[in-house]
Amino acid sequence: MLTDEKKALIEDEERFRHELRQKIEGDIATTGQEIKASEKKLFEKINTFLNSSIGLLLVSSVVVSGGGALYQQIEHDYESREKSKEQSLTFKFEIGDRIKNMQFLLKRAKTVGDAKVAMAGMFKSQFPLNSSLDNKSLSSLYFSLYQLAEGTEKERSKEAIQILDELEELEYSLQSRVNTDVLNASEKEQIIKLVSSIESMHLGAR
């Protein structure tokens, strides 16, 4: 039979998942609208230019000189950039969801078993948002993001991977212990601190 405390925890988890899902869906919708608006604005500018006398002259010159291939290359590059943005956004949402779930469970963890459940999010999504990323580890997700990122965002991803190595070592040490053991306060603080460090980098990259 479920205790009142356990029922309250389950209700908190469900509320958290619902609120997070609403936020992510809202962010995805907003991002999609922004991308469409950018595309529309870009094509309107191109269309306006091409309909001008200079534009028509340029198009004639480009066509004669074989510029059709150049246009196709530009279009391909644009599509590739948009696809990379979409992939990057997907990785970020999946990472953010797992970090929040880990924090939520770690703050309420009292035993080694509770900590193991919380840290399982490093290896598999507990509440899948994207089926294709369900079984990808956080390290793998960050490595994929690292390959798409540039500048400071790339550095943040690299630092996050290093911190995840420390978290995996802690998780490995917990696996040898009995689930019912009381979670050491200093261990709990160390784990939460590492997860918070990753969250700070992740938020800074958005």
C-alpha atoms as a PDB file:
ATOM      1  CA  MET A   1       0.000   0.000   0.000  1.00  0.00           C
ATOM      2  CA  LEU A   2       1.301   3.452  -0.905  1.00  0.00           C
ATOM      3  CA  THR A   3       2.096   5.801   1.952  1.00  0.00           C
ATOM      4  CA  ASP A   4       0.930   9.430   1.903  1.00  0.00           C
ATOM      5  CA  GLU A   5       4.542  10.506   1.349  1.00  0.00           C
ATOM      6  CA  LYS A   6       4.911   8.176  -1.637  1.00  0.00           C
ATOM      7  CA  LYS A   7       1.612   9.372  -3.095  1.00  0.00           C
ATOM      8  CA  ALA A   8       2.732  12.993  -2.714  1.00  0.00           C
ATOM      9  CA  LEU A   9       6.031  12.183  -4.458  1.00  0.00           C
ATOM     10  CA  ILE A  10       4.243  10.519  -7.375  1.00  0.00           C
ATOM     11  CA  GLU A  11       1.900  13.510  -7.689  1.00  0.00           C
ATOM     12  CA  ASP A  12       4.894  15.890  -7.657  1.00  0.00           C
ATOM     13  CA  GLU A  13       6.617  13.868 -10.375  1.00  0.00           C
ATOM     14  CA  GLU A  14       3.506  13.845 -12.577  1.00  0.00           C
ATOM     15  CA  ARG A  15       3.011  17.583 -12.092  1.00  0.00           C
ATOM     16  CA  PHE A  16       6.662  18.208 -12.925  1.00  0.00           C
ATOM     17  CA  ARG A  17       6.485  16.107 -16.095  1.00  0.00           C
ATOM     18  CA  HIS A  18       3.289  17.848 -17.214  1.00  0.00           C
ATOM     19  CA  GLU A  19       4.722  21.334 -16.665  1.00  0.00           C
ATOM     20  CA  LEU A  20       8.014  20.458 -18.365  1.00  0.00           C
ATOM     21  CA  ARG A  21       6.247  18.921 -21.339  1.00  0.00           C
ATOM     22  CA  GLN A  22       4.073  22.043 -21.724  1.00  0.00           C
ATOM     23  CA  LYS A  23       7.139  24.298 -21.622  1.00  0.00           C
ATOM     24  CA  ILE A  24       9.075  22.223 -24.143  1.00  0.00           C
ATOM     25  CA  GLU A  25       6.108  21.968 -26.520  1.00  0.00           C
ATOM     26  CA  GLY A  26       5.666  25.740 -26.250  1.00  0.00           C
ATOM     27  CA  ASP A  27       9.379  26.329 -26.966  1.00  0.00           C
ATOM     28  CA  ILE A  28       9.303  23.977 -29.953  1.00  0.00           C
ATOM     29  CA  ALA A  29       6.220  25.725 -31.367  1.00  0.00           C
ATOM     30  CA  THR A  30       7.823  29.147 -30.879  1.00  0.00           C
ATOM     31  CA  THR A  31      11.079  28.035 -32.495  1.00  0.00           C
ATOM     32  CA  GLY A  32       9.197  26.542 -35.429  1.00  0.00           C
ATOM     33  CA  GLN A  33       7.315  29.815 -35.947  1.00  0.00           C
ATOM     34  CA  GLU A  34      10.569  31.786 -35.795  1.00  0.00           C
ATOM     35  CA  ILE A  35      12.209  29.538 -38.406  1.00  0.00           C
ATOM     36  CA  LYS A  36       9.203  29.833 -40.735  1.00  0.00           C
ATOM     37  CA  ALA A  37       9.123  33.621 -40.275  1.00  0.00           C
ATOM     38  CA  SER A  38      12.858  33.836 -41.080  1.00  0.00           C
ATOM     39  CA  GLU A  39      12.405  31.693 -44.186  1.00  0.00           C
ATOM     40  CA  LYS A  40       9.478  33.824 -45.375  1.00  0.00           C
ATOM     41  CA  LYS A  41      11.405  37.048 -44.794  1.00  0.00           C
ATOM     42  CA  LEU A  42      14.465  35.698 -46.628  1.00  0.00           C
ATOM     43  CA  PHE A  43      12.505  34.580 -49.676  1.00  0.00           C
ATOM     44  CA  GLU A  44      10.560  37.869 -49.774  1.00  0.00           C
ATOM     45  CA  LYS A  45      13.851  39.779 -49.905  1.00  0.00           C
ATOM     46  CA  ILE A  46      15.220  37.490 -52.617  1.00  0.00           C
ATOM     47  CA  ASN A  47      12.009  37.789 -54.616  1.00  0.00           C
ATOM     48  CA  THR A  48      12.003  41.591 -54.332  1.00  0.00           C
ATOM     49  CA  PHE A  49      15.606  41.780 -55.490  1.00  0.00           C
ATOM     50  CA  LEU A  50      15.086  39.366 -58.378  1.00  0.00           C
ATOM     51  CA  ASN A  51      12.117  41.417 -59.616  1.00  0.00           C
ATOM     52  CA  SER A  52      14.209  44.585 -59.719  1.00  0.00           C
ATOM     53  CA  SER A  53      16.038  45.657 -62.900  1.00  0.00           C
ATOM     54  CA  ILE A  54      19.412  44.887 -61.325  1.00  0.00           C
ATOM     55  CA  GLY A  55      18.147  41.548 -60.130  1.00  0.00           C
ATOM     56  CA  LEU A  56      16.870  40.578 -63.572  1.00  0.00           C
ATOM     57  CA  LEU A  57      20.177  41.574 -65.125  1.00  0.00           C
ATOM     58  CA  LEU A  58      22.072  39.577 -62.503  1.00  0.00           C
ATOM     59  CA  VAL A  59      19.864  36.531 -62.990  1.00  0.00           C
ATOM     60  CA  SER A  60      20.440  36.674 -66.743  1.00  0.00           C
ATOM     61  CA  SER A  61      24.192  36.844 -66.212  1.00  0.00           C
ATOM     62  CA  VAL A  62      24.140  34.056 -63.649  1.00  0.00           C
ATOM     63  CA  VAL A  63      22.088  31.747 -65.846  1.00  0.00           C
ATOM     64  CA  VAL A  64      24.347  32.374 -68.836  1.00  0.00           C
ATOM     65  CA  SER A  65      27.462  31.678 -66.772  1.00  0.00           C
ATOM     66  CA  GLY A  66      26.091  28.505 -65.295  1.00  0.00           C
ATOM     67  CA  GLY A  67      25.034  30.100 -62.016  1.00  0.00           C
ATOM     68  CA  GLY A  68      22.190  27.635 -61.624  1.00  0.00           C
ATOM     69  CA  ALA A  69      24.596  25.229 -59.954  1.00  0.00           C
ATOM     70  CA  LEU A  70      25.710  27.996 -57.590  1.00  0.00           C
ATOM     71  CA  TYR A  71      22.118  28.707 -56.595  1.00  0.00           C
ATOM     72  CA  GLN A  72      21.533  25.006 -55.903  1.00  0.00           C
ATOM     73  CA  GLN A  73      24.634  24.923 -53.725  1.00  0.00           C
ATOM     74  CA  ILE A  74      23.432  27.967 -51.753  1.00  0.00           C
ATOM     75  CA  GLU A  75      20.027  26.361 -51.309  1.00  0.00           C
ATOM     76  CA  HIS A  76      21.654  23.102 -50.177  1.00  0.00           C
ATOM     77  CA  ASP A  77      23.836  24.934 -47.648  1.00  0.00           C
ATOM     78  CA  TYR A  78      20.808  26.764 -46.284  1.00  0.00           C
ATOM     79  CA  GLU A  79      18.851  23.524 -45.882  1.00  0.00           C
ATOM     80  CA  SER A  80      21.843  21.883 -44.165  1.00  0.00           C
ATOM     81  CA  ARG A  81      22.093  24.758 -41.669  1.00  0.00           C
ATOM     82  CA  GLU A  82      18.381  24.560 -40.897  1.00  0.00           C
ATOM     83  CA  LYS A  83      18.605  20.791 -40.407  1.00  0.00           C
ATOM     84  CA  SER A  84      21.555  21.259 -38.034  1.00  0.00           C
ATOM     85  CA  LYS A  85      19.572  23.828 -36.046  1.00  0.00           C
ATOM     86  CA  GLU A  86      16.647  21.419 -35.771  1.00  0.00           C
ATOM     87  CA  GLN A  87      18.915  18.548 -34.650  1.00  0.00           C
ATOM     88  CA  SER A  88      20.689  20.784 -32.144  1.00  0.00           C
ATOM     89  CA  LEU A  89      17.359  21.887 -30.677  1.00  0.00           C
ATOM     90  CA  THR A  90      16.226  18.261 -30.341  1.00  0.00           C
ATOM     91  CA  PHE A  91      19.408  17.308 -28.463  1.00  0.00           C
ATOM     92  CA  LYS A  92      19.102  20.343 -26.186  1.00  0.00           C
ATOM     93  CA  PHE A  93      15.519  19.553 -25.215  1.00  0.00           C
ATOM     94  CA  GLU A  94      16.353  15.909 -24.492  1.00  0.00           C
ATOM     95  CA  ILE A  95      19.373  16.907 -22.378  1.00  0.00           C
ATOM     96  CA  GLY A  96      17.391  19.563 -20.521  1.00  0.00           C
ATOM     97  CA  ASP A  97      14.589  17.109 -19.756  1.00  0.00           C
ATOM     98  CA  ARG A  98      16.990  14.541 -18.317  1.00  0.00           C
ATOM     99  CA  ILE A  99      18.841  17.111 -16.210  1.00  0.00           C
ATOM    100  CA  LYS A 100      15.582  18.361 -14.701  1.00  0.00           C
ATOM    101  CA  ASN A 101      14.399  14.815 -13.962  1.00  0.00           C
ATOM    102  CA  MET A 102      17.715  13.947 -12.314  1.00  0.00           C
ATOM    103  CA  GLN A 103      17.603  17.076 -10.156  1.00  0.00           C
ATOM    104  CA  PHE A 104      13.992  16.440  -9.194  1.00  0.00           C
ATOM    105  CA  LEU A 105      14.709  12.883  -8.052  1.00  0.00           C
ATOM    106  CA  LEU A 106      18.077  13.642  -6.432  1.00  0.00           C
ATOM    107  CA  LYS A 107      16.639  16.366  -4.196  1.00  0.00           C
ATOM    108  CA  ARG A 108      14.195  13.797  -2.795  1.00  0.00           C
ATOM    109  CA  ALA A 109      16.684  10.912  -2.646  1.00  0.00           C
ATOM    110  CA  LYS A 110      17.157   9.394   0.821  1.00  0.00           C
ATOM    111  CA  THR A 111      18.739   6.044  -0.003  1.00  0.00           C
ATOM    112  CA  VAL A 112      21.403   4.728  -2.351  1.00  0.00           C
ATOM    113  CA  GLY A 113      18.598   3.098  -4.364  1.00  0.00           C
ATOM    114  CA  ASP A 114      16.893   6.490  -4.829  1.00  0.00           C
ATOM    115  CA  ALA A 115      20.173   7.968  -6.087  1.00  0.00           C
ATOM    116  CA  LYS A 116      20.635   5.089  -8.544  1.00  0.00           C
ATOM    117  CA  VAL A 117      17.179   5.705  -9.988  1.00  0.00           C
ATOM    118  CA  ALA A 118      17.897   9.432 -10.332  1.00  0.00           C
ATOM    119  CA  MET A 119      21.254   8.914 -12.018  1.00  0.00           C
ATOM    120  CA  ALA A 120      19.870   6.330 -14.445  1.00  0.00           C
ATOM    121  CA  GLY A 121      18.894   9.349 -16.560  1.00  0.00           C
ATOM    122  CA  MET A 122      22.534   9.586 -17.636  1.00  0.00           C
ATOM    123  CA  PHE A 123      22.138   6.388 -19.647  1.00  0.00           C
ATOM    124  CA  LYS A 124      18.470   6.207 -20.649  1.00  0.00           C
ATOM    125  CA  SER A 125      15.486   8.539 -20.784  1.00  0.00           C
ATOM    126  CA  GLN A 126      13.040   7.796 -17.965  1.00  0.00           C
ATOM    127  CA  PHE A 127      10.294   9.866 -19.574  1.00  0.00           C
ATOM    128  CA  PRO A 128      11.030   9.727 -23.343  1.00  0.00           C
ATOM    129  CA  LEU A 129      10.414  12.898 -25.347  1.00  0.00           C
ATOM    130  CA  ASN A 130      12.003  11.554 -28.514  1.00  0.00           C
ATOM    131  CA  SER A 131      12.026   7.817 -29.207  1.00  0.00           C
ATOM    132  CA  SER A 132      15.156   8.038 -31.371  1.00  0.00           C
ATOM    133  CA  LEU A 133      17.132   9.419 -28.393  1.00  0.00           C
ATOM    134  CA  ASP A 134      15.585   7.201 -25.705  1.00  0.00           C
ATOM    135  CA  ASN A 135      18.599   4.900 -25.307  1.00  0.00           C
ATOM    136  CA  LYS A 136      21.331   7.469 -25.968  1.00  0.00           C
ATOM    137  CA  SER A 137      23.451   8.381 -22.949  1.00  0.00           C
ATOM    138  CA  LEU A 138      23.892  11.998 -21.871  1.00  0.00           C
ATOM    139  CA  SER A 139      27.549  11.793 -22.908  1.00  0.00           C
ATOM    140  CA  SER A 140      26.490  10.635 -26.369  1.00  0.00           C
ATOM    141  CA  LEU A 141      23.901  13.425 -26.627  1.00  0.00           C
ATOM    142  CA  TYR A 142      26.459  16.033 -25.632  1.00  0.00           C
ATOM    143  CA  PHE A 143      28.998  14.624 -28.097  1.00  0.00           C
ATOM    144  CA  SER A 144      26.406  14.916 -30.884  1.00  0.00           C
ATOM    145  CA  LEU A 145      25.664  18.474 -29.773  1.00  0.00           C
ATOM    146  CA  TYR A 146      29.406  19.223 -29.655  1.00  0.00           C
ATOM    147  CA  GLN A 147      29.729  18.219 -33.323  1.00  0.00           C
ATOM    148  CA  LEU A 148      26.973  20.673 -34.294  1.00  0.00           C
ATOM    149  CA  ALA A 149      27.989  23.513 -31.977  1.00  0.00           C
ATOM    150  CA  GLU A 150      30.326  26.432 -32.578  1.00  0.00           C
ATOM    151  CA  GLY A 151      32.293  28.858 -30.418  1.00  0.00           C
ATOM    152  CA  THR A 152      31.489  29.054 -26.699  1.00  0.00           C
ATOM    153  CA  GLU A 153      28.635  26.560 -27.047  1.00  0.00           C
ATOM    154  CA  LYS A 154      31.152  23.986 -28.269  1.00  0.00           C
ATOM    155  CA  GLU A 155      33.333  24.624 -25.216  1.00  0.00           C
ATOM    156  CA  ARG A 156      30.349  24.237 -22.876  1.00  0.00           C
ATOM    157  CA  SER A 157      29.500  20.883 -24.435  1.00  0.00           C
ATOM    158  CA  LYS A 158      33.098  19.744 -23.998  1.00  0.00           C
ATOM    159  CA  GLU A 159      33.098  20.772 -20.309  1.00  0.00           C
ATOM    160  CA  ALA A 160      29.760  19.026 -19.759  1.00  0.00           C
ATOM    161  CA  ILE A 161      31.195  15.769 -21.139  1.00  0.00           C
ATOM    162  CA  GLN A 162      34.080  16.018 -18.645  1.00  0.00           C
ATOM    163  CA  ILE A 163      31.662  16.518 -15.730  1.00  0.00           C
ATOM    164  CA  LEU A 164      29.568  13.579 -16.911  1.00  0.00           C
ATOM    165  CA  ASP A 165      32.679  11.400 -16.648  1.00  0.00           C
ATOM    166  CA  GLU A 166      32.836  12.308 -12.943  1.00  0.00           C
ATOM    167  CA  LEU A 167      29.129  11.573 -12.517  1.00  0.00           C
ATOM    168  CA  GLU A 168      29.512   8.179 -14.173  1.00  0.00           C
ATOM    169  CA  GLU A 169      32.314   7.319 -11.754  1.00  0.00           C
ATOM    170  CA  LEU A 170      30.063   8.242  -8.816  1.00  0.00           C
ATOM    171  CA  GLU A 171      27.219   6.189 -10.276  1.00  0.00           C
ATOM    172  CA  TYR A 172      29.579   3.227 -10.698  1.00  0.00           C
ATOM    173  CA  SER A 173      30.617   3.436  -7.037  1.00  0.00           C
ATOM    174  CA  LEU A 174      26.947   3.448  -5.974  1.00  0.00           C
ATOM    175  CA  GLN A 175      26.189   0.278  -7.945  1.00  0.00           C
ATOM    176  CA  SER A 176      28.251  -1.831  -5.541  1.00  0.00           C
ATOM    177  CA  ARG A 177      26.218  -0.665  -2.556  1.00  0.00           C
ATOM    178  CA  VAL A 178      22.900  -1.914  -1.155  1.00  0.00           C
ATOM    179  CA  ASN A 179      19.853   0.046  -2.291  1.00  0.00           C
ATOM    180  CA  THR A 180      18.483   0.419   1.232  1.00  0.00           C
ATOM    181  CA  ASP A 181      21.658   2.109   2.534  1.00  0.00           C
ATOM    182  CA  VAL A 182      21.122   5.697   3.625  1.00  0.00           C
ATOM    183  CA  LEU A 183      22.564   8.136   1.083  1.00  0.00           C
ATOM    184  CA  ASN A 184      25.528   9.982   2.530  1.00  0.00           C
ATOM    185  CA  ALA A 185      24.795  13.746   2.747  1.00  0.00           C
ATOM    186  CA  SER A 186      28.164  14.733   1.288  1.00  0.00           C
ATOM    187  CA  GLU A 187      27.729  12.296  -1.621  1.00  0.00           C
ATOM    188  CA  LYS A 188      24.276  13.666  -2.351  1.00  0.00           C
ATOM    189  CA  GLU A 189      25.592  17.237  -2.259  1.00  0.00           C
ATOM    190  CA  GLN A 190      28.453  16.334  -4.610  1.00  0.00           C
ATOM    191  CA  ILE A 191      26.104  14.687  -7.138  1.00  0.00           C
ATOM    192  CA  ILE A 192      23.628  17.589  -7.061  1.00  0.00           C
ATOM    193  CA  LYS A 193      26.483  20.072  -7.467  1.00  0.00           C
ATOM    194  CA  LEU A 194      27.797  18.290 -10.569  1.00  0.00           C
ATOM    195  CA  VAL A 195      24.321  18.076 -12.130  1.00  0.00           C
ATOM    196  CA  SER A 196      23.765  21.786 -11.384  1.00  0.00           C
ATOM    197  CA  SER A 197      27.069  22.611 -13.099  1.00  0.00           C
ATOM    198  CA  ILE A 198      25.885  20.819 -16.231  1.00  0.00           C
ATOM    199  CA  GLU A 199      22.554  22.656 -16.051  1.00  0.00           C
ATOM    200  CA  SER A 200      24.329  26.038 -15.852  1.00  0.00           C
ATOM    201  CA  MET A 201      26.365  25.236 -18.971  1.00  0.00           C
ATOM    202  CA  HIS A 202      23.298  23.922 -20.760  1.00  0.00           C
ATOM    203  CA  LEU A 203      21.228  27.015 -19.997  1.00  0.00           C
ATOM    204  CA  GLY A 204      24.125  29.214 -21.035  1.00  0.00           C
ATOM    205  CA  ALA A 205      24.202  27.479 -24.411  1.00  0.00           C
ATOM    206  CA  ARG A 206      20.545  28.229 -25.189  1.00  0.00           C
END
